[in-house]
Amino acid sequence: MVDKIILHWLDGSRAQRIVWLLNELNVPFEVKPYKRKNFRAPRELREVFPLGRAPIVEIFPDGDETEEPIVLAETGYIINYLIENYDKEKKLIPTSRKDQELVKYYLYYAEGSLQSILIALLVNSKVAGASPFGLKYIAGVVTQAINKGYYLPELKSNLKFLDDRLSKVEGDYFVGNKLTGADIILSFPLVDNLFSDVTSTKEFTGLDVVTLYPNIKRWSDKIKLETNRSDALLQVKNLSPNL
């Protein structure tokens, strides 16, 4: 029997990477879409998993929906689980143990280090606008100072780290000269957050990422082509990032 997989997909979330991954693995799955309410996940998604943070994946072993499903949360864990259990042809698994461990490193790094910096910059960019009228200026000055003193230097350090890594690999991917979970998980912070709209990124961070990080730019262009197939899949399922 075939496992039944349900991907709980929230608009504006990181769930698009799991669509791409399942598509690459050629694994049948069902998508249940949700729309944010006041920028937060709706109650229905929190009933699947209490934190309501997409993506969430439910797996019914052997398609048996009478049993409690396996519920997966956290993107890095989901990617690792799906590849370990459904990549029978080892399409996304590097051949060497060293490279396999490197992929796992990126699964932790992308969410634990890089994404947290981007979230902090995003939150700080909203502080002044959300502050009472008399405090907007002060709030803006304080958050800009925090960004300039800590978060922007951290972002620059991380992007240089990744650009240097790409300059040393053979081929077009982060690990083992093939598409792996490392590329899939890094696609959201690098492609979606930074390189899809470099004009907004420059306004947001002050960085000309195309000039400063040419290796990431080259990788990002390739990843955009890779993910087009998953975008088409969403359209087939009558879904949209603007749900």
Protein backbone atom coordinates (compact mmCIF):
# COMPACT_ATOMS: atom_id res chain seq x y z
CA MET A 1 0.00 0.00 0.00
CA VAL A 2 1.06 3.59 -0.63
CA ASP A 3 1.33 6.08 2.22
CA LYS A 4 -1.09 8.99 2.04
CA ILE A 5 0.69 12.33 2.42
CA ILE A 6 -1.11 15.59 3.15
CA LEU A 7 0.77 18.88 2.98
CA HIS A 8 -0.84 21.68 4.96
CA TRP A 9 0.06 24.79 2.98
CA LEU A 10 -0.27 28.37 4.28
CA ASP A 11 -0.09 31.38 2.00
CA GLY A 12 3.13 33.36 2.34
CA SER A 13 4.81 30.54 4.24
CA ARG A 14 7.78 28.25 3.68
CA ALA A 15 5.60 25.37 2.54
CA GLN A 16 6.43 25.91 -1.13
CA ARG A 17 9.72 24.11 -0.58
CA ILE A 18 7.88 20.94 0.39
CA VAL A 19 5.77 21.12 -2.77
CA TRP A 20 9.00 21.26 -4.73
CA LEU A 21 10.57 18.40 -2.75
CA LEU A 22 7.59 16.05 -3.12
CA ASN A 23 7.45 16.88 -6.80
CA GLU A 24 11.15 16.00 -7.17
CA LEU A 25 10.59 12.72 -5.33
CA ASN A 26 7.60 11.93 -7.55
CA VAL A 27 5.57 11.15 -4.45
CA PRO A 28 1.77 11.54 -4.67
CA PHE A 29 0.40 14.01 -2.13
CA GLU A 30 -2.60 16.12 -1.31
CA VAL A 31 -2.43 19.84 -0.55
CA LYS A 32 -4.71 21.49 2.00
CA PRO A 33 -4.40 25.27 1.63
CA TYR A 34 -5.01 27.86 4.36
CA LYS A 35 -5.21 31.63 4.28
CA ARG A 36 -3.78 33.85 6.98
CA LYS A 37 -6.09 35.86 9.22
CA ASN A 38 -4.56 39.03 10.65
CA PHE A 39 -1.14 37.77 9.52
CA ARG A 40 -1.52 34.60 11.58
CA ALA A 41 -2.39 31.01 10.77
CA PRO A 42 -6.11 30.25 11.06
CA ARG A 43 -7.53 28.09 13.83
CA GLU A 44 -7.97 25.17 11.43
CA LEU A 45 -4.21 24.88 10.90
CA ARG A 46 -3.56 25.04 14.63
CA GLU A 47 -5.87 22.06 15.04
CA VAL A 48 -3.45 20.05 12.88
CA PHE A 49 -0.43 21.18 14.91
CA PRO A 50 -0.72 23.56 17.90
CA LEU A 51 1.86 26.10 16.70
CA GLY A 52 0.12 26.51 13.35
CA ARG A 53 3.37 27.07 11.50
CA ALA A 54 3.40 25.80 7.93
CA PRO A 55 4.54 23.56 6.44
CA ILE A 56 2.95 20.69 8.32
CA VAL A 57 2.88 17.21 6.81
CA GLU A 58 0.56 14.38 7.80
CA ILE A 59 1.46 10.86 6.76
CA PHE A 60 -0.99 7.97 6.93
CA PRO A 61 1.12 4.78 6.63
CA ASP A 62 -0.28 2.47 3.95
CA GLY A 63 -3.01 5.04 3.32
CA ASP A 64 -4.91 3.95 6.43
CA GLU A 65 -6.83 7.02 7.59
CA THR A 66 -8.42 5.13 10.49
CA GLU A 67 -5.10 5.35 12.36
CA GLU A 68 -3.48 8.43 13.84
CA PRO A 69 -1.15 10.00 11.26
CA ILE A 70 2.51 10.78 11.63
CA VAL A 71 2.61 14.58 11.95
CA LEU A 72 5.76 16.39 10.84
CA ALA A 73 6.58 20.02 11.57
CA GLU A 74 9.69 22.21 11.06
CA THR A 75 10.95 22.43 7.50
CA GLY A 76 14.41 20.95 8.05
CA TYR A 77 12.99 17.93 9.84
CA ILE A 78 10.30 17.46 7.18
CA ILE A 79 12.84 17.60 4.35
CA ASN A 80 15.15 15.13 6.09
CA TYR A 81 12.30 12.71 6.88
CA LEU A 82 10.84 12.76 3.38
CA ILE A 83 14.20 12.21 1.70
CA GLU A 84 15.20 9.41 4.08
CA ASN A 85 11.89 7.60 3.65
CA TYR A 86 10.81 8.30 0.07
CA ASP A 87 13.94 8.93 -2.01
CA LYS A 88 14.23 5.30 -3.06
CA GLU A 89 16.37 6.16 -6.09
CA LYS A 90 18.69 8.39 -4.00
CA LYS A 91 18.01 11.22 -6.40
CA LEU A 92 18.65 13.86 -3.72
CA ILE A 93 21.10 11.90 -1.55
CA PRO A 94 24.84 12.49 -2.10
CA THR A 95 27.01 9.45 -2.54
CA SER A 96 29.62 10.23 0.13
CA ARG A 97 28.91 10.18 3.86
CA LYS A 98 30.72 13.51 4.22
CA ASP A 99 28.35 15.16 1.77
CA GLN A 100 25.33 13.52 3.40
CA GLU A 101 26.33 15.09 6.71
CA LEU A 102 26.92 18.44 4.99
CA VAL A 103 23.34 18.39 3.72
CA LYS A 104 22.12 17.84 7.28
CA TYR A 105 24.22 20.80 8.41
CA TYR A 106 22.49 23.08 5.90
CA LEU A 107 19.07 21.79 7.04
CA TYR A 108 19.87 23.09 10.53
CA TYR A 109 21.76 26.17 9.38
CA ALA A 110 19.12 27.57 7.02
CA GLU A 111 16.43 27.81 9.68
CA GLY A 112 18.56 28.21 12.80
CA SER A 113 21.04 30.84 11.58
CA LEU A 114 20.19 32.49 8.27
CA GLN A 115 16.40 32.66 8.49
CA SER A 116 16.44 34.02 12.04
CA ILE A 117 18.51 37.01 10.88
CA LEU A 118 16.09 37.74 8.06
CA ILE A 119 13.09 37.47 10.39
CA ALA A 120 14.70 39.89 12.85
CA LEU A 121 15.35 42.39 10.05
CA LEU A 122 11.75 42.02 8.87
CA VAL A 123 10.30 42.50 12.35
CA ASN A 124 12.51 45.52 13.02
CA SER A 125 11.39 47.08 9.74
CA LYS A 126 7.79 47.01 11.03
CA VAL A 127 8.44 48.39 14.52
CA ALA A 128 8.26 52.11 13.66
CA GLY A 129 5.05 51.69 11.68
CA ALA A 130 3.42 49.73 14.52
CA SER A 131 4.47 52.19 17.25
CA PRO A 132 2.24 54.93 18.68
CA PHE A 133 2.52 58.19 16.75
CA GLY A 134 4.71 59.97 19.27
CA LEU A 135 7.16 57.06 19.43
CA LYS A 136 7.54 56.27 15.73
CA TYR A 137 10.70 58.31 15.24
CA ILE A 138 12.42 56.95 18.36
CA ALA A 139 11.39 53.38 17.52
CA GLY A 140 12.78 53.80 14.00
CA VAL A 141 16.09 55.16 15.25
CA VAL A 142 16.50 52.37 17.79
CA THR A 143 15.67 49.53 15.40
CA GLN A 144 17.90 50.99 12.67
CA ALA A 145 20.76 51.14 15.17
CA ILE A 146 20.17 47.51 16.17
CA ASN A 147 20.10 46.43 12.53
CA LYS A 148 23.22 48.40 11.66
CA GLY A 149 25.11 47.24 14.72
CA TYR A 150 24.19 43.58 14.67
CA TYR A 151 21.75 42.07 12.18
CA LEU A 152 23.11 43.58 8.95
CA PRO A 153 26.73 42.63 9.77
CA GLU A 154 25.46 39.12 10.57
CA LEU A 155 23.59 38.96 7.27
CA LYS A 156 26.68 40.08 5.35
CA SER A 157 28.79 37.49 7.15
CA ASN A 158 26.33 34.70 6.34
CA LEU A 159 25.95 35.67 2.68
CA LYS A 160 29.73 35.84 2.25
CA PHE A 161 30.00 32.43 3.90
CA LEU A 162 27.49 30.94 1.44
CA ASP A 163 28.95 32.71 -1.58
CA ASP A 164 32.42 31.43 -0.66
CA ARG A 165 31.04 27.91 -0.24
CA LEU A 166 29.53 28.03 -3.73
CA SER A 167 32.79 29.33 -5.20
CA LYS A 168 34.54 26.15 -4.01
CA VAL A 169 32.06 23.50 -5.19
CA GLU A 170 32.12 21.72 -8.50
CA GLY A 171 28.90 22.27 -10.39
CA ASP A 172 25.83 24.35 -9.66
CA TYR A 173 24.64 23.12 -6.25
CA PHE A 174 25.69 23.45 -2.63
CA VAL A 175 26.59 19.79 -2.08
CA GLY A 176 27.86 16.96 -4.25
CA ASN A 177 27.26 18.55 -7.68
CA LYS A 178 23.56 17.59 -7.57
CA LEU A 179 20.30 18.90 -6.21
CA THR A 180 19.92 18.02 -2.52
CA GLY A 181 17.91 19.02 0.51
CA ALA A 182 20.47 21.78 1.08
CA ASP A 183 19.38 23.62 -2.07
CA ILE A 184 15.71 23.07 -1.31
CA ILE A 185 15.87 24.47 2.20
CA LEU A 186 18.10 27.40 1.23
CA SER A 187 15.76 28.38 -1.59
CA PHE A 188 13.40 30.28 0.71
CA PRO A 189 15.85 32.59 2.52
CA LEU A 190 18.07 33.13 -0.52
CA VAL A 191 15.75 33.05 -3.53
CA ASP A 192 12.37 34.07 -2.12
CA ASN A 193 13.60 36.51 0.52
CA LEU A 194 16.61 38.09 -1.18
CA PHE A 195 17.23 37.36 -4.88
CA SER A 196 13.72 37.26 -6.34
CA ASP A 197 13.38 41.04 -5.99
CA VAL A 198 16.85 42.53 -5.70
CA THR A 199 15.49 46.10 -5.80
CA SER A 200 13.40 45.52 -2.67
CA THR A 201 16.32 43.71 -1.08
CA LYS A 202 18.56 46.73 -1.62
CA GLU A 203 15.94 49.03 -0.11
CA PHE A 204 15.48 46.62 2.79
CA THR A 205 19.13 45.81 3.54
CA GLY A 206 21.19 48.39 1.63
CA LEU A 207 23.01 45.53 -0.10
CA ASP A 208 23.55 45.12 -3.83
CA VAL A 209 23.37 41.33 -3.53
CA VAL A 210 23.86 40.72 -7.26
CA THR A 211 27.25 42.44 -7.27
CA LEU A 212 28.40 41.36 -3.83
CA TYR A 213 27.42 37.69 -4.05
CA PRO A 214 27.71 36.56 -7.69
CA ASN A 215 27.88 32.86 -6.85
CA ILE A 216 24.62 32.97 -4.92
CA LYS A 217 23.10 34.94 -7.81
CA ARG A 218 24.14 32.23 -10.28
CA TRP A 219 22.78 29.50 -7.99
CA SER A 220 19.57 31.46 -7.39
CA ASP A 221 18.90 31.80 -11.13
CA LYS A 222 19.21 28.03 -11.53
CA ILE A 223 16.97 27.34 -8.55
CA LYS A 224 14.27 29.61 -9.98
CA LEU A 225 14.22 27.42 -13.09
CA GLU A 226 14.09 24.26 -10.97
CA THR A 227 11.10 25.48 -8.96
CA ASN A 228 9.00 26.51 -11.96
CA ARG A 229 7.73 22.95 -12.19
CA SER A 230 6.43 23.13 -8.62
CA ASP A 231 4.75 26.45 -9.31
CA ALA A 232 2.99 24.77 -12.24
CA LEU A 233 1.95 21.97 -9.90
CA LEU A 234 0.27 24.46 -7.58
CA GLN A 235 -1.62 25.93 -10.50
CA VAL A 236 -2.81 22.47 -11.51
CA LYS A 237 -4.18 22.07 -7.99
CA ASN A 238 -5.94 25.43 -8.33
CA LEU A 239 -3.78 27.01 -5.68
CA SER A 240 -1.92 30.28 -5.69
CA PRO A 241 0.64 32.07 -3.53
CA ASN A 242 -2.01 34.83 -3.37
CA LEU A 243 -4.68 32.44 -2.11
